[in-house]
Amino acid sequence: MTIRHTTPADYGRIQEIYAYAREQMRQAGNPSQWGHNRPSGETLLQDIQNGQSHVLEEKGQICGVFTFIIGEDPTYRIIEQGQWLNAAPYGTIHRIAGNVAGKGIFRECLAYCLARIPNIRIDTHRDNAAMRHLLEKHGFRKCGVIYVEDGSPRIAYQKCL
């Protein structure tokens, strides 16, 4: 599997992957994390323009997508019901999704991100049992609760090497 920056030409394919992920979330009992239209097209285009969106390819086909941002995430400034493991510089993984062909997407994404900065934060909806399982399986520690831009709560995790 290879990882590269997303290009504007990839936009249609990543929209398909996010649509698939939204449907999988709904079927797994998590209909509200991304609803019917998140992440928005505007957000995805901004991620691409900022050079923060990445795609994972298997045999030349895009099978996953994620956003990786190194630097402070404003929604992580306040954490309730716990605390971050440290205050060191960190990277944040957002909007990770894959399709049925993508096995090991999270593992590959995490290795890529940790190679760039050894301190990673991520959050997920309480109903996203699959993501919570992946995070704990890969050594993330639950740190508390943060609130995203729309005010809804997310469980916050961190992993440090």
Protein backbone atom coordinates (compact mmCIF):
# COMPACT_ATOMS: atom_id res chain seq x y z
CA MET A 1 0.00 0.00 0.00
CA THR A 2 1.29 3.46 -0.83
CA ILE A 3 0.32 6.85 0.57
CA ARG A 4 0.44 10.12 -1.32
CA HIS A 5 -1.06 13.58 -1.13
CA THR A 6 -4.57 13.83 -2.53
CA THR A 7 -4.90 15.79 -5.78
CA PRO A 8 -7.97 17.61 -7.12
CA ALA A 9 -8.31 14.78 -9.67
CA ASP A 10 -8.93 12.37 -6.77
CA TYR A 11 -11.91 14.34 -5.47
CA GLY A 12 -14.63 12.18 -7.06
CA ARG A 13 -13.05 8.95 -5.84
CA ILE A 14 -12.63 10.16 -2.26
CA GLN A 15 -16.27 11.34 -2.27
CA GLU A 16 -17.22 7.74 -3.15
CA ILE A 17 -15.11 6.41 -0.28
CA TYR A 18 -16.70 8.80 2.20
CA ALA A 19 -20.19 7.85 0.96
CA TYR A 20 -19.31 4.19 1.51
CA ALA A 21 -17.95 4.98 5.00
CA ARG A 22 -21.11 6.92 5.93
CA GLU A 23 -23.24 3.96 4.93
CA GLN A 24 -21.06 1.55 6.93
CA MET A 25 -21.35 3.86 9.95
CA ARG A 26 -25.14 3.92 9.63
CA GLN A 27 -25.30 0.14 9.41
CA ALA A 28 -23.07 -0.20 12.48
CA GLY A 29 -25.30 2.01 14.64
CA ASN A 30 -23.40 5.27 14.18
CA PRO A 31 -25.66 7.38 11.94
CA SER A 32 -24.87 10.79 13.40
CA GLN A 33 -21.07 11.12 13.35
CA TRP A 34 -20.93 12.02 9.67
CA GLY A 35 -24.66 12.12 8.93
CA HIS A 36 -25.53 12.29 5.24
CA ASN A 37 -23.04 14.88 4.06
CA ARG A 38 -19.92 15.05 6.21
CA PRO A 39 -17.18 15.66 5.66
CA SER A 40 -18.41 18.43 3.39
CA GLY A 41 -17.08 18.91 -0.11
CA GLU A 42 -15.76 22.30 0.97
CA THR A 43 -13.80 20.72 3.84
CA LEU A 44 -12.34 18.06 1.54
CA LEU A 45 -11.26 20.61 -1.05
CA GLN A 46 -9.67 22.74 1.69
CA ASP A 47 -7.78 19.68 2.99
CA ILE A 48 -6.49 19.02 -0.54
CA GLN A 49 -5.53 22.67 -1.10
CA ASN A 50 -3.69 22.76 2.24
CA GLY A 51 -1.74 19.60 1.38
CA GLN A 52 -3.23 17.80 4.39
CA SER A 53 -5.35 15.19 2.61
CA HIS A 54 -3.75 11.85 1.75
CA VAL A 55 -4.91 8.81 -0.17
CA LEU A 56 -3.88 5.21 0.25
CA GLU A 57 -3.50 3.19 -2.92
CA GLU A 58 -3.41 -0.56 -3.44
CA LYS A 59 -2.39 -1.76 -6.92
CA GLY A 60 -2.90 1.74 -8.29
CA GLN A 61 -6.43 2.09 -6.93
CA ILE A 62 -7.43 4.52 -4.19
CA CYS A 63 -8.80 2.49 -1.27
CA GLY A 64 -8.59 4.99 1.59
CA VAL A 65 -8.28 8.63 2.54
CA PHE A 66 -7.34 10.63 5.64
CA THR A 67 -6.36 14.12 6.70
CA PHE A 68 -3.20 14.63 8.73
CA ILE A 69 -2.43 17.98 10.33
CA ILE A 70 0.71 18.73 12.29
CA GLY A 71 0.16 21.54 14.76
CA GLU A 72 -2.44 22.66 17.22
CA ASP A 73 -6.02 21.60 16.64
CA PRO A 74 -8.34 24.29 18.06
CA THR A 75 -10.94 21.72 19.11
CA TYR A 76 -8.33 20.02 21.30
CA ARG A 77 -7.55 23.09 23.43
CA ILE A 78 -10.21 22.14 25.97
CA ILE A 79 -10.54 18.55 27.12
CA GLU A 80 -13.02 17.43 29.75
CA GLN A 81 -13.23 14.28 31.87
CA GLY A 82 -9.49 13.74 31.58
CA GLN A 83 -6.34 15.26 30.14
CA TRP A 84 -3.90 14.85 27.27
CA LEU A 85 -0.89 12.61 27.88
CA ASN A 86 1.46 15.55 27.24
CA ALA A 87 1.64 19.06 25.81
CA ALA A 88 4.32 18.24 23.21
CA PRO A 89 3.82 19.13 19.54
CA TYR A 90 1.46 16.67 17.87
CA GLY A 91 -0.21 15.61 14.67
CA THR A 92 -3.93 14.97 14.32
CA ILE A 93 -5.60 12.36 12.15
CA HIS A 94 -9.04 13.38 10.89
CA ARG A 95 -11.57 12.06 8.40
CA ILE A 96 -10.07 8.59 7.89
CA ALA A 97 -12.14 6.30 5.66
CA GLY A 98 -11.66 3.28 3.46
CA ASN A 99 -13.57 1.10 1.09
CA VAL A 100 -14.12 -2.62 1.11
CA ALA A 101 -10.87 -3.24 -0.82
CA GLY A 102 -8.74 -1.46 1.76
CA LYS A 103 -7.43 -3.78 4.45
CA GLY A 104 -4.98 -2.33 6.97
CA ILE A 105 -5.76 1.30 6.13
CA PHE A 106 -5.58 2.49 9.72
CA ARG A 107 -2.32 0.63 10.36
CA GLU A 108 -0.71 2.16 7.26
CA CYS A 109 -2.04 5.63 8.05
CA LEU A 110 -0.72 5.44 11.60
CA ALA A 111 2.75 4.30 10.51
CA TYR A 112 2.88 7.16 8.00
CA CYS A 113 1.86 9.74 10.61
CA LEU A 114 4.14 8.45 13.37
CA ALA A 115 7.09 8.60 10.96
CA ARG A 116 6.46 12.36 10.73
CA ILE A 117 5.79 13.13 14.40
CA PRO A 118 5.83 10.70 17.36
CA ASN A 119 2.82 12.21 19.11
CA ILE A 120 -0.62 11.63 17.55
CA ARG A 121 -4.08 12.72 18.63
CA ILE A 122 -7.40 11.60 17.20
CA ASP A 123 -11.05 11.67 18.22
CA THR A 124 -14.16 9.72 17.38
CA HIS A 125 -17.85 9.57 18.13
CA ARG A 126 -18.93 7.43 21.11
CA ASP A 127 -21.04 5.31 18.74
CA ASN A 128 -18.10 4.52 16.45
CA ALA A 129 -17.26 1.18 18.04
CA ALA A 130 -15.12 0.05 15.10
CA MET A 131 -12.83 3.09 15.33
CA ARG A 132 -12.65 2.93 19.12
CA HIS A 133 -11.58 -0.71 18.82
CA LEU A 134 -8.90 0.14 16.23
CA LEU A 135 -7.54 2.96 18.36
CA GLU A 136 -7.23 0.81 21.45
CA LYS A 137 -5.78 -2.10 19.43
CA HIS A 138 -3.06 0.23 18.12
CA GLY A 139 -2.07 1.56 21.54
CA PHE A 140 -4.00 4.81 21.74
CA ARG A 141 -5.05 5.88 25.21
CA LYS A 142 -8.42 7.43 25.92
CA CYS A 143 -7.77 10.92 27.31
CA GLY A 144 -11.18 12.54 27.75
CA VAL A 145 -13.88 14.34 25.79
CA ILE A 146 -13.49 17.20 23.32
CA TYR A 147 -16.14 19.09 21.37
CA VAL A 148 -16.00 19.56 17.60
CA GLU A 149 -17.03 22.72 15.75
CA ASP A 150 -20.76 21.95 15.90
CA GLY A 151 -20.54 21.42 19.67
CA SER A 152 -21.00 17.66 19.64
CA PRO A 153 -18.78 15.57 21.93
CA ARG A 154 -16.05 13.21 20.78
CA ILE A 155 -13.88 10.77 22.69
CA ALA A 156 -10.29 11.98 22.46
CA TYR A 157 -7.30 9.63 22.19
CA GLN A 158 -3.53 10.05 22.05
CA LYS A 159 -0.56 7.86 21.22
CA CYS A 160 3.06 8.79 21.92
CA LEU A 161 6.18 6.92 20.97
